[in-house]
Amino acid sequence: MTQSLADDSFIDLGAWLTESVNIAFASKEGTAFVSGDGVLKPRGFLTYDLDNADDFTRTWGKLQYVATGATSPSAVQLADAIVALSVKLRAPYRASATWLMNRDTMRIVRQLKDTSFGLLLWSTDGRIVDGIPDRLLGFPVAVCEDMPSAGASALPIEFGDFQQGYQIVDRLGVRILRDPFTARPFIIMYCTKRVGGDVTDGNAIKLLRYSTN
């Protein structure tokens, strides 16, 4: 922005810019917590090596997955895999466990029906109920648009306790440095934020994996 625009504007452009930058950083942070490579950004939990072995038997640092058994699983295969995934999480992590998936995966899961009566598997009574928070197998569901969609080799569903499994280190606030000299009459705004993230307990995070072929 120009200095004259900053001086003559009715609104506080500095505050508006800060809010916009915070929104942009929040979006990038969310992506990094899921799939970041750890280079100048947090490392996402989806970047870890996987193993289908249970806790205490797989190599430390690998996350456990449950396979669907197909690249395009049937309703029965997907429902069985989701149930199997839910029981892989041990008692110390179940109290605060949450499902994590994007909206398209949520649609697929919500439309699962049993083969006998066509009742929805998502709800407790097989019917769509308004006004009730989303819960799957008794655990809350959080929508994360950064989670991958269902497909071959994809990891579209996470189940676990993020408070114990993933550590975020965040220096609060965005640092803004105003430079009115380099590009006069424009003011250059340098915005920086320091944040890190990494898996600290792989036993607290479980993943659903679609088959590769």
N, C-alpha and C. Protein backbone atom coordinates (compact mmCIF):
# COMPACT_ATOMS: atom_id res chain seq x y z
N MET A 1 0.86 -1.19 0.00
CA MET A 1 0.00 0.00 0.00
C MET A 1 0.89 1.23 0.00
N THR A 2 0.28 2.35 -0.42
CA THR A 2 1.04 3.60 -0.43
C THR A 2 0.89 4.30 0.93
N GLN A 3 1.81 5.19 1.21
CA GLN A 3 1.75 5.93 2.46
C GLN A 3 0.51 6.82 2.49
N SER A 4 0.16 7.41 1.34
CA SER A 4 -1.01 8.29 1.30
C SER A 4 -2.30 7.49 1.55
N LEU A 5 -2.35 6.25 1.04
CA LEU A 5 -3.52 5.42 1.30
C LEU A 5 -3.63 5.10 2.78
N ALA A 6 -2.50 4.80 3.40
CA ALA A 6 -2.51 4.51 4.83
C ALA A 6 -2.93 5.73 5.64
N ASP A 7 -2.49 6.93 5.19
CA ASP A 7 -2.81 8.16 5.92
C ASP A 7 -4.28 8.56 5.75
N ASP A 8 -4.84 8.34 4.55
CA ASP A 8 -6.17 8.86 4.24
C ASP A 8 -7.29 7.84 4.44
N SER A 9 -6.94 6.61 4.66
CA SER A 9 -7.97 5.57 4.75
C SER A 9 -8.82 5.74 6.00
N PHE A 10 -10.13 5.50 5.83
CA PHE A 10 -11.06 5.60 6.96
C PHE A 10 -10.85 4.45 7.95
N ILE A 11 -10.49 3.29 7.43
CA ILE A 11 -10.28 2.13 8.29
C ILE A 11 -8.80 2.01 8.64
N ASP A 12 -8.52 1.22 9.66
CA ASP A 12 -7.14 0.97 10.07
C ASP A 12 -6.58 -0.13 9.17
N LEU A 13 -5.85 0.27 8.13
CA LEU A 13 -5.33 -0.70 7.18
C LEU A 13 -4.32 -1.65 7.84
N GLY A 14 -3.60 -1.15 8.81
CA GLY A 14 -2.65 -2.01 9.51
C GLY A 14 -3.35 -3.15 10.21
N ALA A 15 -4.47 -2.84 10.89
CA ALA A 15 -5.23 -3.88 11.58
C ALA A 15 -5.87 -4.85 10.58
N TRP A 16 -6.38 -4.28 9.46
CA TRP A 16 -6.98 -5.13 8.43
C TRP A 16 -5.93 -6.09 7.85
N LEU A 17 -4.73 -5.56 7.60
CA LEU A 17 -3.67 -6.39 7.05
C LEU A 17 -3.27 -7.49 8.03
N THR A 18 -3.17 -7.13 9.30
CA THR A 18 -2.80 -8.12 10.31
C THR A 18 -3.82 -9.26 10.35
N GLU A 19 -5.10 -8.91 10.30
CA GLU A 19 -6.14 -9.94 10.32
C GLU A 19 -6.05 -10.83 9.08
N SER A 20 -5.83 -10.23 7.92
CA SER A 20 -5.72 -11.00 6.69
C SER A 20 -4.52 -11.93 6.73
N VAL A 21 -3.41 -11.45 7.26
CA VAL A 21 -2.20 -12.26 7.36
C VAL A 21 -2.43 -13.43 8.33
N ASN A 22 -3.12 -13.16 9.43
CA ASN A 22 -3.41 -14.23 10.39
C ASN A 22 -4.23 -15.34 9.74
N ILE A 23 -5.22 -14.96 8.91
CA ILE A 23 -6.04 -15.95 8.22
C ILE A 23 -5.18 -16.77 7.26
N ALA A 24 -4.30 -16.10 6.52
CA ALA A 24 -3.44 -16.79 5.57
C ALA A 24 -2.49 -17.75 6.28
N PHE A 25 -1.90 -17.30 7.39
CA PHE A 25 -1.01 -18.17 8.14
C PHE A 25 -1.76 -19.36 8.72
N ALA A 26 -2.97 -19.15 9.21
CA ALA A 26 -3.75 -20.25 9.79
C ALA A 26 -4.01 -21.33 8.75
N SER A 27 -4.30 -20.91 7.51
CA SER A 27 -4.54 -21.87 6.44
C SER A 27 -3.28 -22.68 6.13
N LYS A 28 -2.15 -21.99 6.04
CA LYS A 28 -0.89 -22.68 5.76
C LYS A 28 -0.48 -23.59 6.92
N GLU A 29 -0.73 -23.18 8.14
CA GLU A 29 -0.40 -24.01 9.29
C GLU A 29 -1.21 -25.30 9.26
N GLY A 30 -2.52 -25.17 8.98
CA GLY A 30 -3.36 -26.36 8.94
C GLY A 30 -2.86 -27.37 7.92
N THR A 31 -2.46 -26.88 6.75
CA THR A 31 -1.91 -27.77 5.72
C THR A 31 -0.62 -28.42 6.19
N ALA A 32 0.25 -27.64 6.83
CA ALA A 32 1.54 -28.16 7.27
C ALA A 32 1.38 -29.20 8.37
N PHE A 33 0.43 -29.01 9.28
CA PHE A 33 0.22 -29.99 10.35
C PHE A 33 -0.20 -31.35 9.80
N VAL A 34 -0.82 -31.33 8.62
CA VAL A 34 -1.27 -32.58 8.00
C VAL A 34 -0.21 -33.16 7.08
N SER A 35 0.35 -32.33 6.20
CA SER A 35 1.23 -32.88 5.16
C SER A 35 2.54 -32.12 4.98
N GLY A 36 2.90 -31.23 5.90
CA GLY A 36 4.14 -30.48 5.77
C GLY A 36 5.37 -31.36 5.80
N ASP A 37 6.42 -30.95 5.06
CA ASP A 37 7.63 -31.77 4.98
C ASP A 37 8.65 -31.44 6.07
N GLY A 38 8.37 -30.46 6.92
CA GLY A 38 9.29 -30.14 8.00
C GLY A 38 10.38 -29.17 7.63
N VAL A 39 10.43 -28.75 6.37
CA VAL A 39 11.44 -27.78 5.92
C VAL A 39 10.81 -26.39 5.94
N LEU A 40 11.26 -25.56 6.89
CA LEU A 40 10.70 -24.22 7.10
C LEU A 40 9.20 -24.26 7.36
N LYS A 41 8.75 -25.36 7.88
CA LYS A 41 7.33 -25.54 8.22
C LYS A 41 7.22 -26.74 9.14
N PRO A 42 6.08 -26.88 9.86
CA PRO A 42 5.88 -28.08 10.67
C PRO A 42 5.88 -29.34 9.81
N ARG A 43 6.16 -30.48 10.45
CA ARG A 43 6.08 -31.76 9.75
C ARG A 43 4.71 -32.37 9.98
N GLY A 44 4.02 -32.71 8.92
CA GLY A 44 2.69 -33.26 9.03
C GLY A 44 2.69 -34.74 9.40
N PHE A 45 1.63 -35.17 10.06
CA PHE A 45 1.57 -36.57 10.51
C PHE A 45 1.40 -37.54 9.34
N LEU A 46 0.92 -37.07 8.18
CA LEU A 46 0.77 -37.96 7.04
C LEU A 46 2.08 -38.26 6.34
N THR A 47 3.17 -37.61 6.74
CA THR A 47 4.46 -37.83 6.08
C THR A 47 5.26 -38.95 6.75
N TYR A 48 4.74 -39.53 7.82
CA TYR A 48 5.48 -40.57 8.53
C TYR A 48 5.33 -41.92 7.85
N ASP A 49 6.33 -42.77 8.04
CA ASP A 49 6.23 -44.14 7.55
C ASP A 49 5.12 -44.87 8.28
N LEU A 50 4.52 -45.84 7.60
CA LEU A 50 3.37 -46.55 8.15
C LEU A 50 3.68 -48.02 8.36
N ASP A 51 2.93 -48.61 9.27
CA ASP A 51 3.05 -50.04 9.55
C ASP A 51 1.70 -50.50 10.09
N ASN A 52 1.26 -51.68 9.70
CA ASN A 52 -0.02 -52.17 10.21
C ASN A 52 0.10 -52.94 11.51
N ALA A 53 1.31 -53.04 12.05
CA ALA A 53 1.52 -53.75 13.31
C ALA A 53 0.96 -52.93 14.47
N ASP A 54 0.55 -53.61 15.54
CA ASP A 54 -0.03 -52.96 16.70
C ASP A 54 1.03 -52.25 17.55
N ASP A 55 0.55 -51.48 18.52
CA ASP A 55 1.45 -50.80 19.45
C ASP A 55 2.36 -51.83 20.13
N PHE A 56 3.56 -51.39 20.45
CA PHE A 56 4.59 -52.18 21.14
C PHE A 56 5.25 -53.23 20.25
N THR A 57 4.75 -53.41 19.02
CA THR A 57 5.37 -54.39 18.11
C THR A 57 5.96 -53.73 16.87
N ARG A 58 5.42 -52.61 16.42
CA ARG A 58 5.97 -51.95 15.23
C ARG A 58 7.14 -51.05 15.63
N THR A 59 7.92 -50.68 14.64
CA THR A 59 9.09 -49.84 14.86
C THR A 59 8.67 -48.46 15.36
N TRP A 60 9.39 -47.95 16.37
CA TRP A 60 9.08 -46.63 16.90
C TRP A 60 9.24 -45.57 15.81
N GLY A 61 8.29 -44.65 15.74
CA GLY A 61 8.33 -43.60 14.74
C GLY A 61 7.42 -43.87 13.56
N LYS A 62 6.89 -45.08 13.46
CA LYS A 62 5.95 -45.40 12.41
C LYS A 62 4.53 -45.34 12.96
N LEU A 63 3.59 -44.89 12.12
CA LEU A 63 2.20 -44.81 12.52
C LEU A 63 1.44 -46.04 12.02
N GLN A 64 0.50 -46.47 12.82
CA GLN A 64 -0.29 -47.65 12.46
C GLN A 64 -1.42 -47.29 11.51
N TYR A 65 -1.66 -48.17 10.54
CA TYR A 65 -2.78 -47.97 9.63
C TYR A 65 -3.64 -49.23 9.56
N VAL A 66 -4.88 -49.04 9.17
CA VAL A 66 -5.80 -50.14 8.89
C VAL A 66 -6.18 -50.03 7.43
N ALA A 67 -6.04 -51.13 6.68
CA ALA A 67 -6.31 -51.12 5.25
C ALA A 67 -7.78 -51.39 4.97
N THR A 68 -8.30 -50.75 3.92
CA THR A 68 -9.68 -50.99 3.51
C THR A 68 -9.82 -52.27 2.72
N GLY A 69 -8.70 -52.73 2.12
CA GLY A 69 -8.75 -53.96 1.34
C GLY A 69 -9.05 -53.76 -0.13
N ALA A 70 -9.26 -52.52 -0.55
CA ALA A 70 -9.57 -52.25 -1.95
C ALA A 70 -9.33 -50.77 -2.23
N THR A 71 -9.12 -50.47 -3.52
CA THR A 71 -8.99 -49.07 -3.91
C THR A 71 -10.34 -48.36 -3.90
N SER A 72 -11.39 -49.12 -4.16
CA SER A 72 -12.77 -48.61 -4.09
C SER A 72 -13.58 -49.59 -3.23
N PRO A 73 -13.41 -49.53 -1.93
CA PRO A 73 -14.04 -50.51 -1.05
C PRO A 73 -15.56 -50.43 -1.10
N SER A 74 -16.19 -51.57 -0.91
CA SER A 74 -17.64 -51.61 -0.80
C SER A 74 -18.05 -50.99 0.53
N ALA A 75 -19.34 -50.78 0.69
CA ALA A 75 -19.84 -50.21 1.95
C ALA A 75 -19.47 -51.10 3.12
N VAL A 76 -19.56 -52.41 2.92
CA VAL A 76 -19.22 -53.34 4.01
C VAL A 76 -17.73 -53.26 4.33
N GLN A 77 -16.88 -53.25 3.31
CA GLN A 77 -15.44 -53.17 3.54
C GLN A 77 -15.07 -51.88 4.25
N LEU A 78 -15.64 -50.77 3.82
CA LEU A 78 -15.30 -49.49 4.44
C LEU A 78 -15.80 -49.42 5.87
N ALA A 79 -17.02 -49.87 6.10
CA ALA A 79 -17.56 -49.86 7.46
C ALA A 79 -16.74 -50.75 8.38
N ASP A 80 -16.36 -51.94 7.91
CA ASP A 80 -15.54 -52.85 8.73
C ASP A 80 -14.18 -52.22 9.04
N ALA A 81 -13.59 -51.54 8.05
CA ALA A 81 -12.28 -50.91 8.27
C ALA A 81 -12.38 -49.78 9.28
N ILE A 82 -13.45 -49.01 9.23
CA ILE A 82 -13.64 -47.91 10.18
C ILE A 82 -13.80 -48.46 11.60
N VAL A 83 -14.58 -49.52 11.74
CA VAL A 83 -14.74 -50.14 13.07
C VAL A 83 -13.40 -50.68 13.56
N ALA A 84 -12.67 -51.35 12.68
CA ALA A 84 -11.37 -51.89 13.06
C ALA A 84 -10.41 -50.78 13.47
N LEU A 85 -10.45 -49.66 12.75
CA LEU A 85 -9.59 -48.52 13.09
C LEU A 85 -9.92 -47.98 14.47
N SER A 86 -11.21 -47.93 14.79
CA SER A 86 -11.63 -47.34 16.07
C SER A 86 -11.13 -48.15 17.27
N VAL A 87 -10.97 -49.45 17.11
CA VAL A 87 -10.56 -50.28 18.25
C VAL A 87 -9.04 -50.43 18.33
N LYS A 88 -8.31 -49.92 17.35
CA LYS A 88 -6.85 -49.98 17.42
C LYS A 88 -6.29 -48.99 18.44
N LEU A 89 -7.07 -47.95 18.75
CA LEU A 89 -6.60 -46.94 19.69
C LEU A 89 -6.80 -47.45 21.12
N ARG A 90 -5.73 -47.47 21.89
CA ARG A 90 -5.79 -48.02 23.25
C ARG A 90 -6.44 -47.04 24.24
N ALA A 91 -6.79 -47.56 25.40
CA ALA A 91 -7.55 -46.83 26.42
C ALA A 91 -6.94 -45.47 26.80
N PRO A 92 -5.62 -45.34 26.95
CA PRO A 92 -5.07 -44.04 27.37
C PRO A 92 -5.38 -42.89 26.41
N TYR A 93 -5.75 -43.22 25.18
CA TYR A 93 -5.97 -42.18 24.18
C TYR A 93 -7.44 -42.01 23.79
N ARG A 94 -8.31 -42.88 24.24
CA ARG A 94 -9.67 -42.89 23.74
C ARG A 94 -10.56 -41.77 24.32
N ALA A 95 -10.24 -41.30 25.50
CA ALA A 95 -11.09 -40.29 26.14
C ALA A 95 -11.19 -39.01 25.32
N SER A 96 -10.12 -38.64 24.65
CA SER A 96 -10.10 -37.39 23.87
C SER A 96 -9.94 -37.66 22.38
N ALA A 97 -10.30 -38.85 21.93
CA ALA A 97 -10.10 -39.22 20.53
C ALA A 97 -11.11 -38.52 19.63
N THR A 98 -10.67 -38.21 18.41
CA THR A 98 -11.50 -37.53 17.42
C THR A 98 -11.20 -38.09 16.04
N TRP A 99 -12.24 -38.19 15.23
CA TRP A 99 -12.08 -38.53 13.83
C TRP A 99 -11.71 -37.27 13.05
N LEU A 100 -10.88 -37.43 12.03
CA LEU A 100 -10.48 -36.29 11.21
C LEU A 100 -10.60 -36.71 9.74
N MET A 101 -11.36 -35.93 8.96
CA MET A 101 -11.54 -36.23 7.54
C MET A 101 -12.05 -34.98 6.84
N ASN A 102 -11.94 -34.96 5.52
CA ASN A 102 -12.48 -33.81 4.80
C ASN A 102 -13.97 -34.01 4.52
N ARG A 103 -14.61 -33.02 3.94
CA ARG A 103 -16.06 -33.06 3.78
C ARG A 103 -16.50 -34.15 2.81
N ASP A 104 -15.70 -34.40 1.76
CA ASP A 104 -16.10 -35.43 0.80
C ASP A 104 -16.04 -36.82 1.43
N THR A 105 -15.01 -37.07 2.23
CA THR A 105 -14.94 -38.35 2.93
C THR A 105 -16.07 -38.47 3.94
N MET A 106 -16.39 -37.36 4.61
CA MET A 106 -17.52 -37.38 5.53
C MET A 106 -18.81 -37.76 4.80
N ARG A 107 -18.99 -37.24 3.60
CA ARG A 107 -20.18 -37.60 2.82
C ARG A 107 -20.23 -39.10 2.55
N ILE A 108 -19.09 -39.68 2.16
CA ILE A 108 -19.04 -41.10 1.86
C ILE A 108 -19.41 -41.93 3.09
N VAL A 109 -18.84 -41.56 4.24
CA VAL A 109 -19.09 -42.32 5.46
C VAL A 109 -20.53 -42.14 5.92
N ARG A 110 -21.05 -40.93 5.80
CA ARG A 110 -22.42 -40.67 6.25
C ARG A 110 -23.44 -41.40 5.41
N GLN A 111 -23.10 -41.74 4.18
CA GLN A 111 -24.03 -42.42 3.29
C GLN A 111 -23.94 -43.94 3.38
N LEU A 112 -23.06 -44.46 4.22
CA LEU A 112 -22.98 -45.91 4.39
C LEU A 112 -24.28 -46.44 4.99
N LYS A 113 -24.79 -47.49 4.41
CA LYS A 113 -26.04 -48.09 4.89
C LYS A 113 -25.87 -49.60 5.02
N ASP A 114 -26.62 -50.19 5.93
CA ASP A 114 -26.56 -51.65 6.02
C ASP A 114 -27.32 -52.27 4.85
N THR A 115 -27.00 -53.51 4.55
CA THR A 115 -27.56 -54.15 3.36
C THR A 115 -28.97 -54.68 3.58
N SER A 116 -29.39 -54.81 4.82
CA SER A 116 -30.70 -55.40 5.09
C SER A 116 -31.83 -54.38 5.07
N PHE A 117 -31.65 -53.27 5.79
CA PHE A 117 -32.73 -52.32 5.95
C PHE A 117 -32.42 -50.93 5.37
N GLY A 118 -31.19 -50.73 4.87
CA GLY A 118 -30.83 -49.44 4.30
C GLY A 118 -30.68 -48.35 5.33
N LEU A 119 -30.43 -48.72 6.59
CA LEU A 119 -30.30 -47.72 7.64
C LEU A 119 -28.89 -47.15 7.66
N LEU A 120 -28.80 -45.88 7.96
CA LEU A 120 -27.50 -45.21 8.02
C LEU A 120 -26.68 -45.74 9.18
N LEU A 121 -25.37 -45.98 8.92
CA LEU A 121 -24.50 -46.49 9.98
C LEU A 121 -23.94 -45.39 10.86
N TRP A 122 -24.05 -44.13 10.39
CA TRP A 122 -23.45 -43.01 11.14
C TRP A 122 -24.19 -42.76 12.44
N SER A 123 -25.51 -42.82 12.43
CA SER A 123 -26.32 -42.46 13.59
C SER A 123 -26.60 -43.68 14.46
N THR A 124 -27.13 -43.43 15.65
CA THR A 124 -27.39 -44.52 16.58
C THR A 124 -28.67 -45.28 16.25
N ASP A 125 -29.60 -44.63 15.55
CA ASP A 125 -30.86 -45.28 15.24
C ASP A 125 -31.09 -45.48 13.74
N GLY A 126 -30.05 -45.22 12.93
CA GLY A 126 -30.18 -45.44 11.51
C GLY A 126 -30.91 -44.35 10.77
N ARG A 127 -31.11 -43.21 11.40
CA ARG A 127 -31.85 -42.13 10.76
C ARG A 127 -31.05 -40.83 10.86
N ILE A 128 -31.32 -39.94 9.92
CA ILE A 128 -30.67 -38.63 9.95
C ILE A 128 -31.33 -37.79 11.03
N VAL A 129 -30.52 -37.28 11.95
CA VAL A 129 -31.04 -36.49 13.08
C VAL A 129 -30.37 -35.13 13.06
N ASP A 130 -31.18 -34.07 12.98
CA ASP A 130 -30.64 -32.72 12.98
C ASP A 130 -30.36 -32.24 14.40
N GLY A 131 -29.43 -31.31 14.52
CA GLY A 131 -29.18 -30.67 15.80
C GLY A 131 -28.33 -31.46 16.75
N ILE A 132 -27.77 -32.56 16.29
CA ILE A 132 -26.92 -33.38 17.14
C ILE A 132 -25.49 -33.30 16.60
N PRO A 133 -24.50 -33.02 17.43
CA PRO A 133 -23.12 -32.94 16.95
C PRO A 133 -22.70 -34.24 16.26
N ASP A 134 -21.87 -34.10 15.23
CA ASP A 134 -21.41 -35.27 14.50
C ASP A 134 -20.59 -36.19 15.39
N ARG A 135 -21.00 -37.44 15.48
CA ARG A 135 -20.26 -38.46 16.22
C ARG A 135 -20.30 -39.75 15.41
N LEU A 136 -19.17 -40.41 15.33
CA LEU A 136 -19.06 -41.66 14.61
C LEU A 136 -18.53 -42.72 15.56
N LEU A 137 -19.31 -43.77 15.78
CA LEU A 137 -18.98 -44.82 16.74
C LEU A 137 -18.74 -44.23 18.13
N GLY A 138 -19.46 -43.17 18.44
CA GLY A 138 -19.38 -42.56 19.76
C GLY A 138 -18.33 -41.49 19.93
N PHE A 139 -17.56 -41.22 18.88
CA PHE A 139 -16.47 -40.24 18.98
C PHE A 139 -16.76 -39.06 18.05
N PRO A 140 -16.39 -37.84 18.45
CA PRO A 140 -16.67 -36.66 17.63
C PRO A 140 -15.90 -36.68 16.32
N VAL A 141 -16.47 -36.00 15.33
CA VAL A 141 -15.87 -35.92 14.00
C VAL A 141 -15.51 -34.47 13.70
N ALA A 142 -14.27 -34.24 13.30
CA ALA A 142 -13.81 -32.90 12.92
C ALA A 142 -13.53 -32.87 11.42
N VAL A 143 -13.97 -31.80 10.77
CA VAL A 143 -13.73 -31.64 9.34
C VAL A 143 -12.41 -30.91 9.13
N CYS A 144 -11.55 -31.49 8.31
CA CYS A 144 -10.26 -30.88 7.97
C CYS A 144 -10.09 -30.96 6.46
N GLU A 145 -10.17 -29.81 5.80
CA GLU A 145 -10.10 -29.80 4.34
C GLU A 145 -8.72 -30.17 3.82
N ASP A 146 -7.73 -30.20 4.68
CA ASP A 146 -6.38 -30.57 4.25
C ASP A 146 -6.17 -32.08 4.22
N MET A 147 -7.11 -32.85 4.76
CA MET A 147 -7.02 -34.30 4.67
C MET A 147 -7.31 -34.73 3.23
N PRO A 148 -6.59 -35.75 2.74
CA PRO A 148 -6.80 -36.18 1.35
C PRO A 148 -8.17 -36.83 1.16
N SER A 149 -8.64 -36.81 -0.06
CA SER A 149 -9.90 -37.48 -0.40
C SER A 149 -9.65 -38.97 -0.61
N ALA A 150 -10.73 -39.73 -0.57
CA ALA A 150 -10.63 -41.18 -0.75
C ALA A 150 -10.13 -41.51 -2.14
N GLY A 151 -9.28 -42.53 -2.22
CA GLY A 151 -8.72 -42.95 -3.51
C GLY A 151 -7.56 -43.90 -3.28
N ALA A 152 -7.05 -44.46 -4.35
CA ALA A 152 -5.96 -45.42 -4.26
C ALA A 152 -4.78 -44.85 -3.47
N SER A 153 -4.30 -45.61 -2.50
CA SER A 153 -3.14 -45.27 -1.66
C SER A 153 -3.38 -44.09 -0.72
N ALA A 154 -4.58 -43.54 -0.70
CA ALA A 154 -4.86 -42.36 0.12
C ALA A 154 -5.04 -42.72 1.58
N LEU A 155 -4.86 -41.71 2.44
CA LEU A 155 -5.07 -41.82 3.88
C LEU A 155 -6.15 -40.82 4.27
N PRO A 156 -7.41 -41.09 3.95
CA PRO A 156 -8.45 -40.07 4.09
C PRO A 156 -9.02 -39.90 5.48
N ILE A 157 -8.78 -40.86 6.38
CA ILE A 157 -9.38 -40.78 7.71
C ILE A 157 -8.30 -40.98 8.77
N GLU A 158 -8.30 -40.10 9.75
CA GLU A 158 -7.42 -40.23 10.92
C GLU A 158 -8.30 -40.37 12.15
N PHE A 159 -7.83 -41.18 13.09
CA PHE A 159 -8.53 -41.34 14.36
C PHE A 159 -7.49 -41.34 15.47
N GLY A 160 -7.67 -40.45 16.45
CA GLY A 160 -6.69 -40.43 17.52
C GLY A 160 -6.86 -39.26 18.46
N ASP A 161 -5.91 -39.15 19.36
CA ASP A 161 -5.87 -38.07 20.34
C ASP A 161 -4.72 -37.15 19.97
N PHE A 162 -5.04 -36.02 19.35
CA PHE A 162 -3.99 -35.11 18.90
C PHE A 162 -3.28 -34.43 20.05
N GLN A 163 -3.96 -34.23 21.17
CA GLN A 163 -3.30 -33.57 22.30
C GLN A 163 -2.10 -34.37 22.77
N GLN A 164 -2.21 -35.69 22.73
CA GLN A 164 -1.09 -36.53 23.14
C GLN A 164 -0.18 -36.91 21.98
N GLY A 165 -0.74 -36.96 20.77
CA GLY A 165 0.02 -37.48 19.65
C GLY A 165 0.81 -36.46 18.86
N TYR A 166 0.36 -35.18 18.87
CA TYR A 166 1.01 -34.19 18.03
C TYR A 166 1.26 -32.92 18.84
N GLN A 167 2.50 -32.45 18.78
CA GLN A 167 2.89 -31.27 19.56
C GLN A 167 3.07 -30.07 18.64
N ILE A 168 2.35 -28.99 18.95
CA ILE A 168 2.50 -27.74 18.22
C ILE A 168 3.22 -26.73 19.11
N VAL A 169 4.29 -26.16 18.60
CA VAL A 169 5.05 -25.13 19.31
C VAL A 169 4.84 -23.83 18.55
N ASP A 170 4.16 -22.89 19.18
CA ASP A 170 3.75 -21.69 18.47
C ASP A 170 4.16 -20.45 19.25
N ARG A 171 4.91 -19.58 18.61
CA ARG A 171 5.20 -18.28 19.20
C ARG A 171 4.04 -17.36 18.84
N LEU A 172 3.27 -16.97 19.82
CA LEU A 172 2.02 -16.26 19.59
C LEU A 172 2.24 -14.96 18.83
N GLY A 173 1.33 -14.69 17.91
CA GLY A 173 1.35 -13.43 17.20
C GLY A 173 2.15 -13.47 15.90
N VAL A 174 1.84 -12.51 15.04
CA VAL A 174 2.54 -12.34 13.78
C VAL A 174 3.40 -11.09 13.87
N ARG A 175 4.64 -11.21 13.48
CA ARG A 175 5.55 -10.06 13.51
C ARG A 175 5.49 -9.34 12.17
N ILE A 176 5.20 -8.05 12.19
CA ILE A 176 5.08 -7.26 10.98
C ILE A 176 6.12 -6.14 10.99
N LEU A 177 6.92 -6.09 9.94
CA LEU A 177 7.96 -5.07 9.80
C LEU A 177 7.59 -4.18 8.63
N ARG A 178 7.42 -2.89 8.88
CA ARG A 178 7.06 -1.92 7.83
C ARG A 178 8.33 -1.34 7.21
N ASP A 179 8.37 -1.38 5.88
CA ASP A 179 9.50 -0.83 5.14
C ASP A 179 8.98 0.25 4.18
N PRO A 180 9.07 1.54 4.58
CA PRO A 180 8.55 2.62 3.72
C PRO A 180 9.60 3.18 2.76
N PHE A 181 10.79 2.59 2.72
CA PHE A 181 11.87 3.21 1.97
C PHE A 181 12.23 2.47 0.68
N THR A 182 12.18 1.13 0.69
CA THR A 182 12.70 0.36 -0.44
C THR A 182 11.94 0.61 -1.73
N ALA A 183 10.62 0.73 -1.67
CA ALA A 183 9.80 0.84 -2.88
C ALA A 183 8.91 2.08 -2.84
N ARG A 184 9.47 3.20 -2.42
CA ARG A 184 8.68 4.43 -2.32
C ARG A 184 7.97 4.73 -3.64
N PRO A 185 6.68 5.16 -3.60
CA PRO A 185 5.90 5.59 -2.43
C PRO A 185 5.13 4.46 -1.75
N PHE A 186 5.47 3.21 -2.07
CA PHE A 186 4.76 2.08 -1.47
C PHE A 186 5.43 1.66 -0.16
N ILE A 187 4.60 1.12 0.72
CA ILE A 187 5.09 0.55 1.98
C ILE A 187 5.08 -0.97 1.84
N ILE A 188 6.21 -1.59 2.05
CA ILE A 188 6.31 -3.04 2.02
C ILE A 188 6.14 -3.57 3.44
N MET A 189 5.30 -4.58 3.58
CA MET A 189 5.04 -5.18 4.89
C MET A 189 5.63 -6.59 4.91
N TYR A 190 6.60 -6.81 5.76
CA TYR A 190 7.19 -8.14 5.94
C TYR A 190 6.52 -8.81 7.14
N CYS A 191 5.86 -9.93 6.89
CA CYS A 191 5.10 -10.62 7.94
C CYS A 191 5.73 -11.98 8.20
N THR A 192 6.05 -12.26 9.44
CA THR A 192 6.67 -13.54 9.80
C THR A 192 5.95 -14.13 10.99
N LYS A 193 5.96 -15.46 11.06
CA LYS A 193 5.35 -16.19 12.17
C LYS A 193 6.19 -17.43 12.43
N ARG A 194 6.43 -17.72 13.70
CA ARG A 194 7.25 -18.87 14.07
C ARG A 194 6.35 -19.95 14.67
N VAL A 195 6.33 -21.10 14.04
CA VAL A 195 5.51 -22.20 14.52
C VAL A 195 6.15 -23.52 14.08
N GLY A 196 6.04 -24.51 14.93
CA GLY A 196 6.55 -25.84 14.60
C GLY A 196 5.56 -26.90 15.03
N GLY A 197 5.69 -28.08 14.48
CA GLY A 197 4.81 -29.17 14.84
C GLY A 197 5.41 -30.50 14.44
N ASP A 198 5.14 -31.53 15.26
CA ASP A 198 5.69 -32.85 14.97
C ASP A 198 4.95 -33.88 15.82
N VAL A 199 4.96 -35.12 15.34
CA VAL A 199 4.36 -36.22 16.10
C VAL A 199 5.25 -36.54 17.29
N THR A 200 4.66 -36.60 18.48
CA THR A 200 5.41 -36.92 19.68
C THR A 200 5.07 -38.29 20.25
N ASP A 201 3.89 -38.81 19.90
CA ASP A 201 3.49 -40.15 20.35
C ASP A 201 2.71 -40.81 19.22
N GLY A 202 3.39 -41.65 18.47
CA GLY A 202 2.77 -42.30 17.33
C GLY A 202 1.67 -43.27 17.70
N ASN A 203 1.61 -43.70 18.96
CA ASN A 203 0.55 -44.61 19.38
C ASN A 203 -0.81 -43.92 19.46
N ALA A 204 -0.81 -42.60 19.50
CA ALA A 204 -2.05 -41.84 19.67
C ALA A 204 -2.72 -41.51 18.35
N ILE A 205 -2.09 -41.85 17.22
CA ILE A 205 -2.62 -41.49 15.90
C ILE A 205 -2.73 -42.74 15.05
N LYS A 206 -3.94 -43.00 14.52
CA LYS A 206 -4.18 -44.15 13.64
C LYS A 206 -4.77 -43.65 12.33
N LEU A 207 -4.48 -44.35 11.25
CA LEU A 207 -4.89 -43.91 9.93
C LEU A 207 -5.60 -45.02 9.16
N LEU A 208 -6.56 -44.62 8.36
CA LEU A 208 -7.24 -45.53 7.43
C LEU A 208 -6.58 -45.38 6.06
N ARG A 209 -6.21 -46.52 5.49
CA ARG A 209 -5.47 -46.49 4.21
C ARG A 209 -6.22 -47.26 3.14
N TYR A 210 -6.44 -46.59 2.02
CA TYR A 210 -7.00 -47.27 0.86
C TYR A 210 -5.89 -48.08 0.17
N SER A 211 -6.25 -49.19 -0.41
CA SER A 211 -5.26 -50.04 -1.06
C SER A 211 -4.68 -49.36 -2.29
N THR A 212 -3.50 -49.81 -2.71
CA THR A 212 -2.80 -49.19 -3.83
C THR A 212 -3.33 -49.68 -5.18
N ASN A 213 -3.84 -50.90 -5.24
CA ASN A 213 -4.37 -51.42 -6.50
C ASN A 213 -5.37 -52.54 -6.23
